Amino acid sequence: MSVIYVLLAISLVVAIIFFVAFIVSVRQGQYDDAYTPSVRMLFEDELVKTGNEVKSKVKN
């Protein structure tokens, strides 16, 4: 039974470490995407072939 308490404590410590690492990386801008917004407008009007017709993805 004491093994369960040890494993629970270890898992909580590991989870807290990963959560702190995630928060630090978000604050440092690790997940900021500066490239995609600049090229997103180039890919909005892609054509999709369905059967014999060609339809645009953009809704009017």
PDB file of N, CA and C in Angstrom:
ATOM      1  N   MET A   1       0.813  -1.192   0.000  1.00  0.00           N
ATOM      2  CA  MET A   1       0.000   0.000   0.000  1.00  0.00           C
ATOM      3  C   MET A   1       0.860   1.261   0.000  1.00  0.00           C
ATOM      4  N   SER A   2       2.024   1.189   0.617  1.00  0.00           N
ATOM      5  CA  SER A   2       2.898   2.362   0.661  1.00  0.00           C
ATOM      6  C   SER A   2       3.476   2.678  -0.714  1.00  0.00           C
ATOM      7  N   VAL A   3       3.544   1.689  -1.585  1.00  0.00           N
ATOM      8  CA  VAL A   3       4.043   1.915  -2.940  1.00  0.00           C
ATOM      9  C   VAL A   3       3.096   2.839  -3.699  1.00  0.00           C
ATOM     10  N   ILE A   4       1.809   2.697  -3.462  1.00  0.00           N
ATOM     11  CA  ILE A   4       0.826   3.550  -4.129  1.00  0.00           C
ATOM     12  C   ILE A   4       1.038   5.003  -3.734  1.00  0.00           C
ATOM     13  N   TYR A   5       1.302   5.252  -2.466  1.00  0.00           N
ATOM     14  CA  TYR A   5       1.541   6.623  -2.012  1.00  0.00           C
ATOM     15  C   TYR A   5       2.812   7.193  -2.627  1.00  0.00           C
ATOM     16  N   VAL A   6       3.835   6.387  -2.735  1.00  0.00           N
ATOM     17  CA  VAL A   6       5.087   6.843  -3.350  1.00  0.00           C
ATOM     18  C   VAL A   6       4.865   7.155  -4.824  1.00  0.00           C
ATOM     19  N   LEU A   7       4.175   6.280  -5.540  1.00  0.00           N
ATOM     20  CA  LEU A   7       3.912   6.512  -6.961  1.00  0.00           C
ATOM     21  C   LEU A   7       3.009   7.721  -7.171  1.00  0.00           C
ATOM     22  N   LEU A   8       2.054   7.907  -6.297  1.00  0.00           N
ATOM     23  CA  LEU A   8       1.176   9.069  -6.383  1.00  0.00           C
ATOM     24  C   LEU A   8       1.965  10.363  -6.173  1.00  0.00           C
ATOM     25  N   ALA A   9       2.841  10.373  -5.212  1.00  0.00           N
ATOM     26  CA  ALA A   9       3.670  11.545  -4.951  1.00  0.00           C
ATOM     27  C   ALA A   9       4.597  11.841  -6.130  1.00  0.00           C
ATOM     28  N   ILE A  10       5.211  10.813  -6.668  1.00  0.00           N
ATOM     29  CA  ILE A  10       6.108  10.993  -7.818  1.00  0.00           C
ATOM     30  C   ILE A  10       5.338  11.509  -9.027  1.00  0.00           C
ATOM     31  N   SER A  11       4.150  10.962  -9.274  1.00  0.00           N
ATOM     32  CA  SER A  11       3.372  11.401 -10.434  1.00  0.00           C
ATOM     33  C   SER A  11       2.917  12.850 -10.270  1.00  0.00           C
ATOM     34  N   LEU A  12       2.576  13.257  -9.067  1.00  0.00           N
ATOM     35  CA  LEU A  12       2.204  14.649  -8.850  1.00  0.00           C
ATOM     36  C   LEU A  12       3.387  15.598  -9.068  1.00  0.00           C
ATOM     37  N   VAL A  13       4.559  15.197  -8.628  1.00  0.00           N
ATOM     38  CA  VAL A  13       5.755  16.021  -8.831  1.00  0.00           C
ATOM     39  C   VAL A  13       6.065  16.150 -10.322  1.00  0.00           C
ATOM     40  N   VAL A  14       5.974  15.052 -11.051  1.00  0.00           N
ATOM     41  CA  VAL A  14       6.234  15.085 -12.496  1.00  0.00           C
ATOM     42  C   VAL A  14       5.190  15.948 -13.204  1.00  0.00           C
ATOM     43  N   ALA A  15       3.929  15.830 -12.821  1.00  0.00           N
ATOM     44  CA  ALA A  15       2.873  16.631 -13.439  1.00  0.00           C
ATOM     45  C   ALA A  15       3.092  18.112 -13.169  1.00  0.00           C
ATOM     46  N   ILE A  16       3.485  18.456 -11.967  1.00  0.00           N
ATOM     47  CA  ILE A  16       3.744  19.864 -11.635  1.00  0.00           C
ATOM     48  C   ILE A  16       4.935  20.391 -12.425  1.00  0.00           C
ATOM     49  N   ILE A  17       5.966  19.583 -12.588  1.00  0.00           N
ATOM     50  CA  ILE A  17       7.133  19.995 -13.374  1.00  0.00           C
ATOM     51  C   ILE A  17       6.746  20.272 -14.822  1.00  0.00           C
ATOM     52  N   PHE A  18       5.951  19.382 -15.421  1.00  0.00           N
ATOM     53  CA  PHE A  18       5.524  19.584 -16.803  1.00  0.00           C
ATOM     54  C   PHE A  18       4.610  20.806 -16.925  1.00  0.00           C
ATOM     55  N   PHE A  19       3.748  21.029 -15.952  1.00  0.00           N
ATOM     56  CA  PHE A  19       2.868  22.193 -15.990  1.00  0.00           C
ATOM     57  C   PHE A  19       3.664  23.477 -15.896  1.00  0.00           C
ATOM     58  N   VAL A  20       4.649  23.522 -15.023  1.00  0.00           N
ATOM     59  CA  VAL A  20       5.495  24.713 -14.896  1.00  0.00           C
ATOM     60  C   VAL A  20       6.286  24.933 -16.184  1.00  0.00           C
ATOM     61  N   ALA A  21       6.805  23.861 -16.785  1.00  0.00           N
ATOM     62  CA  ALA A  21       7.543  23.995 -18.043  1.00  0.00           C
ATOM     63  C   ALA A  21       6.627  24.524 -19.152  1.00  0.00           C
ATOM     64  N   PHE A  22       5.383  24.078 -19.169  1.00  0.00           N
ATOM     65  CA  PHE A  22       4.426  24.569 -20.160  1.00  0.00           C
ATOM     66  C   PHE A  22       4.147  26.054 -19.964  1.00  0.00           C
ATOM     67  N   ILE A  23       3.909  26.470 -18.731  1.00  0.00           N
ATOM     68  CA  ILE A  23       3.632  27.875 -18.443  1.00  0.00           C
ATOM     69  C   ILE A  23       4.825  28.751 -18.820  1.00  0.00           C
ATOM     70  N   VAL A  24       6.026  28.303 -18.511  1.00  0.00           N
ATOM     71  CA  VAL A  24       7.229  29.072 -18.854  1.00  0.00           C
ATOM     72  C   VAL A  24       7.374  29.193 -20.370  1.00  0.00           C
ATOM     73  N   SER A  25       7.132  28.108 -21.100  1.00  0.00           N
ATOM     74  CA  SER A  25       7.280  28.163 -22.556  1.00  0.00           C
ATOM     75  C   SER A  25       6.220  29.056 -23.196  1.00  0.00           C
ATOM     76  N   VAL A  26       5.005  29.080 -22.643  1.00  0.00           N
ATOM     77  CA  VAL A  26       3.968  29.969 -23.174  1.00  0.00           C
ATOM     78  C   VAL A  26       4.343  31.422 -22.918  1.00  0.00           C
ATOM     79  N   ARG A  27       4.845  31.725 -21.750  1.00  0.00           N
ATOM     80  CA  ARG A  27       5.222  33.108 -21.429  1.00  0.00           C
ATOM     81  C   ARG A  27       6.411  33.586 -22.262  1.00  0.00           C
ATOM     82  N   GLN A  28       7.276  32.667 -22.678  1.00  0.00           N
ATOM     83  CA  GLN A  28       8.426  33.049 -23.498  1.00  0.00           C
ATOM     84  C   GLN A  28       8.083  33.134 -24.982  1.00  0.00           C
ATOM     85  N   GLY A  29       6.841  32.800 -25.347  1.00  0.00           N
ATOM     86  CA  GLY A  29       6.427  32.916 -26.739  1.00  0.00           C
ATOM     87  C   GLY A  29       6.759  31.714 -27.584  1.00  0.00           C
ATOM     88  N   GLN A  30       6.950  30.575 -26.988  1.00  0.00           N
ATOM     89  CA  GLN A  30       7.306  29.366 -27.723  1.00  0.00           C
ATOM     90  C   GLN A  30       6.216  28.981 -28.730  1.00  0.00           C
ATOM     91  N   TYR A  31       4.954  29.243 -28.398  1.00  0.00           N
ATOM     92  CA  TYR A  31       3.850  28.811 -29.246  1.00  0.00           C
ATOM     93  C   TYR A  31       3.305  29.932 -30.112  1.00  0.00           C
ATOM     94  N   ASP A  32       3.942  31.078 -30.151  1.00  0.00           N
ATOM     95  CA  ASP A  32       3.515  32.162 -31.028  1.00  0.00           C
ATOM     96  C   ASP A  32       3.831  31.794 -32.467  1.00  0.00           C
ATOM     97  N   ASP A  33       2.881  32.035 -33.335  1.00  0.00           N
ATOM     98  CA  ASP A  33       3.055  31.706 -34.744  1.00  0.00           C
ATOM     99  C   ASP A  33       3.002  33.000 -35.542  1.00  0.00           C
ATOM    100  N   ALA A  34       4.152  33.443 -35.976  1.00  0.00           N
ATOM    101  CA  ALA A  34       4.223  34.692 -36.730  1.00  0.00           C
ATOM    102  C   ALA A  34       4.186  34.448 -38.235  1.00  0.00           C
ATOM    103  N   TYR A  35       4.373  33.214 -38.673  1.00  0.00           N
ATOM    104  CA  TYR A  35       4.459  32.929 -40.104  1.00  0.00           C
ATOM    105  C   TYR A  35       3.101  32.634 -40.729  1.00  0.00           C
ATOM    106  N   THR A  36       2.298  31.813 -40.102  1.00  0.00           N
ATOM    107  CA  THR A  36       1.041  31.362 -40.694  1.00  0.00           C
ATOM    108  C   THR A  36       0.075  32.491 -41.031  1.00  0.00           C
ATOM    109  N   PRO A  37      -0.149  33.478 -40.160  1.00  0.00           N
ATOM    110  CA  PRO A  37      -1.087  34.539 -40.538  1.00  0.00           C
ATOM    111  C   PRO A  37      -0.689  35.284 -41.805  1.00  0.00           C
ATOM    112  N   SER A  38       0.589  35.388 -42.084  1.00  0.00           N
ATOM    113  CA  SER A  38       1.019  36.122 -43.270  1.00  0.00           C
ATOM    114  C   SER A  38       0.759  35.354 -44.562  1.00  0.00           C
ATOM    115  N   VAL A  39       0.672  34.048 -44.505  1.00  0.00           N
ATOM    116  CA  VAL A  39       0.431  33.263 -45.720  1.00  0.00           C
ATOM    117  C   VAL A  39      -0.963  32.654 -45.764  1.00  0.00           C
ATOM    118  N   ARG A  40      -1.744  32.833 -44.715  1.00  0.00           N
ATOM    119  CA  ARG A  40      -3.085  32.244 -44.678  1.00  0.00           C
ATOM    120  C   ARG A  40      -3.962  32.771 -45.798  1.00  0.00           C
ATOM    121  N   MET A  41      -3.824  34.062 -46.130  1.00  0.00           N
ATOM    122  CA  MET A  41      -4.667  34.634 -47.179  1.00  0.00           C
ATOM    123  C   MET A  41      -4.357  34.037 -48.545  1.00  0.00           C
ATOM    124  N   LEU A  42      -3.197  33.449 -48.715  1.00  0.00           N
ATOM    125  CA  LEU A  42      -2.849  32.842 -49.992  1.00  0.00           C
ATOM    126  C   LEU A  42      -3.562  31.521 -50.218  1.00  0.00           C
ATOM    127  N   PHE A  43      -4.046  30.880 -49.165  1.00  0.00           N
ATOM    128  CA  PHE A  43      -4.626  29.552 -49.275  1.00  0.00           C
ATOM    129  C   PHE A  43      -6.129  29.520 -49.021  1.00  0.00           C
ATOM    130  N   GLU A  44      -6.795  30.661 -48.924  1.00  0.00           N
ATOM    131  CA  GLU A  44      -8.221  30.665 -48.637  1.00  0.00           C
ATOM    132  C   GLU A  44      -9.075  30.241 -49.821  1.00  0.00           C
ATOM    133  N   ASP A  45      -8.653  30.486 -51.034  1.00  0.00           N
ATOM    134  CA  ASP A  45      -9.473  30.204 -52.206  1.00  0.00           C
ATOM    135  C   ASP A  45      -9.055  28.924 -52.919  1.00  0.00           C
ATOM    136  N   GLU A  46      -8.704  27.898 -52.185  1.00  0.00           N
ATOM    137  CA  GLU A  46      -8.344  26.632 -52.812  1.00  0.00           C
ATOM    138  C   GLU A  46      -9.580  25.995 -53.419  1.00  0.00           C
ATOM    139  N   LEU A  47      -9.412  25.341 -54.549  1.00  0.00           N
ATOM    140  CA  LEU A  47     -10.522  24.688 -55.220  1.00  0.00           C
ATOM    141  C   LEU A  47     -10.609  23.236 -54.778  1.00  0.00           C
ATOM    142  N   VAL A  48     -11.835  22.768 -54.640  1.00  0.00           N
ATOM    143  CA  VAL A  48     -12.070  21.382 -54.246  1.00  0.00           C
ATOM    144  C   VAL A  48     -12.882  20.722 -55.339  1.00  0.00           C
ATOM    145  N   LYS A  49     -12.406  19.610 -55.872  1.00  0.00           N
ATOM    146  CA  LYS A  49     -13.133  18.887 -56.903  1.00  0.00           C
ATOM    147  C   LYS A  49     -14.051  17.867 -56.245  1.00  0.00           C
ATOM    148  N   THR A  50     -15.332  17.956 -56.558  1.00  0.00           N
ATOM    149  CA  THR A  50     -16.303  16.980 -56.094  1.00  0.00           C
ATOM    150  C   THR A  50     -17.088  16.509 -57.302  1.00  0.00           C
ATOM    151  N   GLY A  51     -16.855  15.295 -57.712  1.00  0.00           N
ATOM    152  CA  GLY A  51     -17.533  14.775 -58.901  1.00  0.00           C
ATOM    153  C   GLY A  51     -17.047  15.485 -60.139  1.00  0.00           C
ATOM    154  N   ASN A  52     -17.991  16.029 -60.929  1.00  0.00           N
ATOM    155  CA  ASN A  52     -17.649  16.729 -62.162  1.00  0.00           C
ATOM    156  C   ASN A  52     -17.548  18.234 -61.969  1.00  0.00           C
ATOM    157  N   GLU A  53     -17.932  18.720 -60.786  1.00  0.00           N
ATOM    158  CA  GLU A  53     -17.929  20.154 -60.545  1.00  0.00           C
ATOM    159  C   GLU A  53     -16.705  20.575 -59.748  1.00  0.00           C
ATOM    160  N   VAL A  54     -16.379  21.842 -59.864  1.00  0.00           N
ATOM    161  CA  VAL A  54     -15.307  22.429 -59.061  1.00  0.00           C
ATOM    162  C   VAL A  54     -15.947  23.483 -58.159  1.00  0.00           C
ATOM    163  N   LYS A  55     -15.791  23.308 -56.860  1.00  0.00           N
ATOM    164  CA  LYS A  55     -16.400  24.244 -55.910  1.00  0.00           C
ATOM    165  C   LYS A  55     -15.301  24.935 -55.113  1.00  0.00           C
ATOM    166  N   SER A  56     -15.554  26.151 -54.740  1.00  0.00           N
ATOM    167  CA  SER A  56     -14.615  26.906 -53.936  1.00  0.00           C
ATOM    168  C   SER A  56     -14.942  26.655 -52.468  1.00  0.00           C
ATOM    169  N   LYS A  57     -13.899  26.637 -51.610  1.00  0.00           N
ATOM    170  CA  LYS A  57     -14.086  26.451 -50.182  1.00  0.00           C
ATOM    171  C   LYS A  57     -14.664  27.684 -49.509  1.00  0.00           C
ATOM    172  N   VAL A  58     -14.485  28.850 -50.106  1.00  0.00           N
ATOM    173  CA  VAL A  58     -14.920  30.098 -49.496  1.00  0.00           C
ATOM    174  C   VAL A  58     -16.422  30.249 -49.710  1.00  0.00           C
ATOM    175  N   LYS A  59     -17.132  30.518 -48.606  1.00  0.00           N
ATOM    176  CA  LYS A  59     -18.575  30.722 -48.692  1.00  0.00           C
ATOM    177  C   LYS A  59     -18.864  32.173 -49.035  1.00  0.00           C
ATOM    178  N   ASN A  60     -19.831  32.389 -49.884  1.00  0.00           N
ATOM    179  CA  ASN A  60     -20.193  33.758 -50.274  1.00  0.00           C
ATOM    180  C   ASN A  60     -21.181  34.327 -49.305  1.00  0.00           C
TER     181      ASN A  60
END
